[in-house]
N, C-alpha and C. Protein backbone atom coordinates (compact mmCIF):
# COMPACT_ATOMS: atom_id res chain seq x y z
N MET A 1 -100.20 -26.29 -19.23
CA MET A 1 -100.36 -26.78 -20.56
C MET A 1 -100.91 -25.94 -21.57
N TYR A 2 -102.09 -24.90 -21.15
CA TYR A 2 -102.39 -23.70 -22.33
C TYR A 2 -101.68 -23.46 -22.85
N GLU A 3 -100.43 -22.86 -22.39
CA GLU A 3 -98.92 -21.81 -22.42
C GLU A 3 -98.25 -22.46 -23.46
N TYR A 4 -98.03 -23.76 -22.99
CA TYR A 4 -97.45 -24.26 -23.93
C TYR A 4 -97.97 -24.72 -25.21
N ARG A 5 -98.95 -24.85 -25.46
CA ARG A 5 -100.00 -25.05 -26.64
C ARG A 5 -100.04 -23.50 -27.16
N ALA A 6 -100.43 -22.75 -26.68
CA ALA A 6 -100.18 -21.50 -27.27
C ALA A 6 -98.78 -21.26 -28.10
N LEU A 7 -98.12 -21.42 -27.10
CA LEU A 7 -96.25 -21.17 -27.37
C LEU A 7 -95.97 -21.92 -29.01
N LYS A 8 -96.80 -22.90 -28.93
CA LYS A 8 -96.66 -24.33 -29.88
C LYS A 8 -97.32 -23.98 -31.24
N ALA A 9 -98.50 -23.09 -31.07
CA ALA A 9 -99.29 -22.44 -32.18
C ALA A 9 -98.32 -21.26 -32.52
N GLN A 10 -98.00 -20.68 -31.93
CA GLN A 10 -97.24 -19.27 -32.14
C GLN A 10 -95.71 -19.54 -32.70
N VAL A 11 -95.03 -20.90 -32.89
CA VAL A 11 -93.90 -21.23 -33.17
C VAL A 11 -94.54 -21.52 -34.79
N ARG A 12 -95.34 -22.66 -34.86
CA ARG A 12 -95.88 -23.12 -36.19
C ARG A 12 -96.09 -22.05 -36.85
N GLU A 13 -96.79 -20.79 -36.70
CA GLU A 13 -97.22 -19.72 -37.51
C GLU A 13 -96.00 -18.83 -37.66
N LEU A 14 -95.06 -19.11 -36.94
CA LEU A 14 -93.70 -18.14 -37.33
C LEU A 14 -92.97 -19.11 -38.38
N GLN A 15 -92.83 -20.14 -38.02
CA GLN A 15 -92.27 -21.39 -39.08
C GLN A 15 -92.72 -21.00 -40.42
N ARG A 16 -94.05 -20.88 -40.65
CA ARG A 16 -95.23 -20.72 -41.25
C ARG A 16 -94.86 -19.30 -42.56
N LEU A 17 -94.69 -18.26 -41.79
CA LEU A 17 -94.65 -16.60 -42.17
C LEU A 17 -93.02 -16.94 -42.58
N LEU A 18 -92.21 -17.66 -42.35
CA LEU A 18 -90.74 -17.80 -42.38
C LEU A 18 -90.51 -18.39 -43.74
N GLY A 19 -91.14 -19.55 -44.13
CA GLY A 19 -91.41 -20.43 -44.97
C GLY A 19 -91.67 -19.54 -46.34
N LYS A 20 -93.15 -19.01 -46.49
CA LYS A 20 -93.50 -18.09 -46.93
C LYS A 20 -92.49 -17.10 -47.91
N LYS A 21 -92.12 -16.36 -46.84
CA LYS A 21 -91.16 -14.98 -46.95
C LYS A 21 -89.74 -15.84 -47.74
N THR A 22 -89.58 -16.84 -47.20
CA THR A 22 -88.32 -17.55 -47.87
C THR A 22 -88.60 -17.86 -49.94
N MET A 23 -90.07 -18.48 -49.61
CA MET A 23 -90.42 -18.71 -50.88
C MET A 23 -90.54 -17.59 -51.70
N GLU A 24 -90.71 -16.72 -51.46
CA GLU A 24 -91.38 -15.44 -51.75
C GLU A 24 -89.59 -15.07 -52.67
N ARG A 25 -88.59 -15.08 -51.63
CA ARG A 25 -87.39 -14.42 -51.88
C ARG A 25 -86.71 -15.32 -53.15
N PHE A 26 -86.72 -16.41 -53.02
CA PHE A 26 -86.01 -17.25 -54.24
C PHE A 26 -87.22 -17.21 -55.72
N SER A 27 -88.67 -17.14 -55.48
CA SER A 27 -89.20 -17.14 -56.58
C SER A 27 -88.87 -15.45 -57.01
N SER A 28 -88.74 -14.26 -56.10
CA SER A 28 -87.99 -13.15 -56.91
C SER A 28 -87.02 -13.17 -57.62
N LYS A 29 -85.88 -14.18 -57.61
CA LYS A 29 -84.50 -14.07 -57.66
C LYS A 29 -84.56 -15.35 -58.61
N ALA A 30 -85.69 -15.98 -58.95
CA ALA A 30 -85.80 -16.90 -59.94
C ALA A 30 -86.06 -16.05 -61.03
N ALA A 31 -87.32 -15.10 -60.99
CA ALA A 31 -87.79 -14.23 -62.00
C ALA A 31 -87.20 -13.42 -62.34
N ASN A 32 -85.52 -12.88 -61.95
CA ASN A 32 -84.67 -12.30 -62.25
C ASN A 32 -83.66 -13.06 -63.08
N GLY A 33 -83.82 -14.32 -62.55
CA GLY A 33 -82.77 -15.10 -63.75
C GLY A 33 -81.50 -15.37 -62.52
N THR A 34 -81.66 -15.28 -61.41
CA THR A 34 -80.03 -14.71 -60.34
C THR A 34 -79.99 -16.11 -59.97
N ARG A 35 -80.94 -17.41 -60.11
CA ARG A 35 -80.99 -18.32 -59.13
C ARG A 35 -80.01 -19.50 -59.33
N SER A 36 -79.23 -19.77 -58.44
CA SER A 36 -77.61 -20.70 -58.20
C SER A 36 -78.30 -21.78 -58.43
N ALA A 37 -77.44 -22.80 -59.00
CA ALA A 37 -77.45 -24.32 -58.45
C ALA A 37 -78.07 -24.73 -57.03
N ALA A 38 -77.14 -23.84 -56.20
CA ALA A 38 -77.23 -24.24 -54.44
C ALA A 38 -79.07 -23.63 -54.30
N THR A 39 -79.34 -22.42 -54.59
CA THR A 39 -80.50 -21.94 -54.72
C THR A 39 -81.87 -23.02 -55.29
N THR A 40 -81.08 -23.39 -56.32
CA THR A 40 -82.32 -24.19 -56.90
C THR A 40 -82.83 -25.58 -55.72
N ALA A 41 -81.69 -26.07 -55.54
CA ALA A 41 -81.39 -27.40 -54.35
C ALA A 41 -82.20 -26.85 -53.43
N ALA A 42 -82.09 -25.74 -52.59
CA ALA A 42 -82.64 -25.35 -51.63
C ALA A 42 -84.55 -24.98 -51.66
N LEU A 43 -84.63 -24.78 -52.72
CA LEU A 43 -86.15 -24.17 -53.15
C LEU A 43 -86.68 -25.79 -53.27
N LYS A 44 -86.56 -26.43 -53.85
CA LYS A 44 -86.86 -27.94 -53.87
C LYS A 44 -87.03 -28.26 -52.98
N SER A 45 -85.67 -28.10 -52.20
CA SER A 45 -86.35 -29.05 -50.36
C SER A 45 -86.95 -28.41 -49.49
N ILE A 46 -87.13 -26.82 -49.52
CA ILE A 46 -88.53 -26.32 -49.22
C ILE A 46 -89.34 -26.98 -49.42
N ARG A 47 -89.72 -26.97 -50.97
CA ARG A 47 -91.14 -27.42 -51.42
C ARG A 47 -91.90 -28.82 -50.82
N ARG A 48 -90.23 -29.98 -51.18
CA ARG A 48 -90.86 -31.13 -50.87
C ARG A 48 -91.17 -31.20 -49.00
N SER A 49 -90.57 -29.93 -48.36
CA SER A 49 -90.40 -30.24 -46.90
C SER A 49 -92.61 -29.63 -46.63
N GLY A 50 -92.72 -28.81 -47.54
CA GLY A 50 -94.05 -28.60 -47.33
C GLY A 50 -95.09 -29.04 -47.79
N GLN A 51 -94.89 -30.04 -48.59
CA GLN A 51 -95.70 -31.01 -49.00
C GLN A 51 -96.23 -32.29 -48.03
N ARG A 52 -96.22 -32.29 -46.73
CA ARG A 52 -96.37 -33.37 -45.86
C ARG A 52 -97.89 -33.60 -45.85
């Protein structure tokens, strides 16, 4: 049972880090003015999912 909890915590941390890197990538593109409509929609979706 301990291994399951440790793995679950590790997955959660990796998802958090991946989300952070994704947001940084979208933010840097936005700063450069290269954000498309699809990117804007994806960014909004990511932001909504992070506000649980």
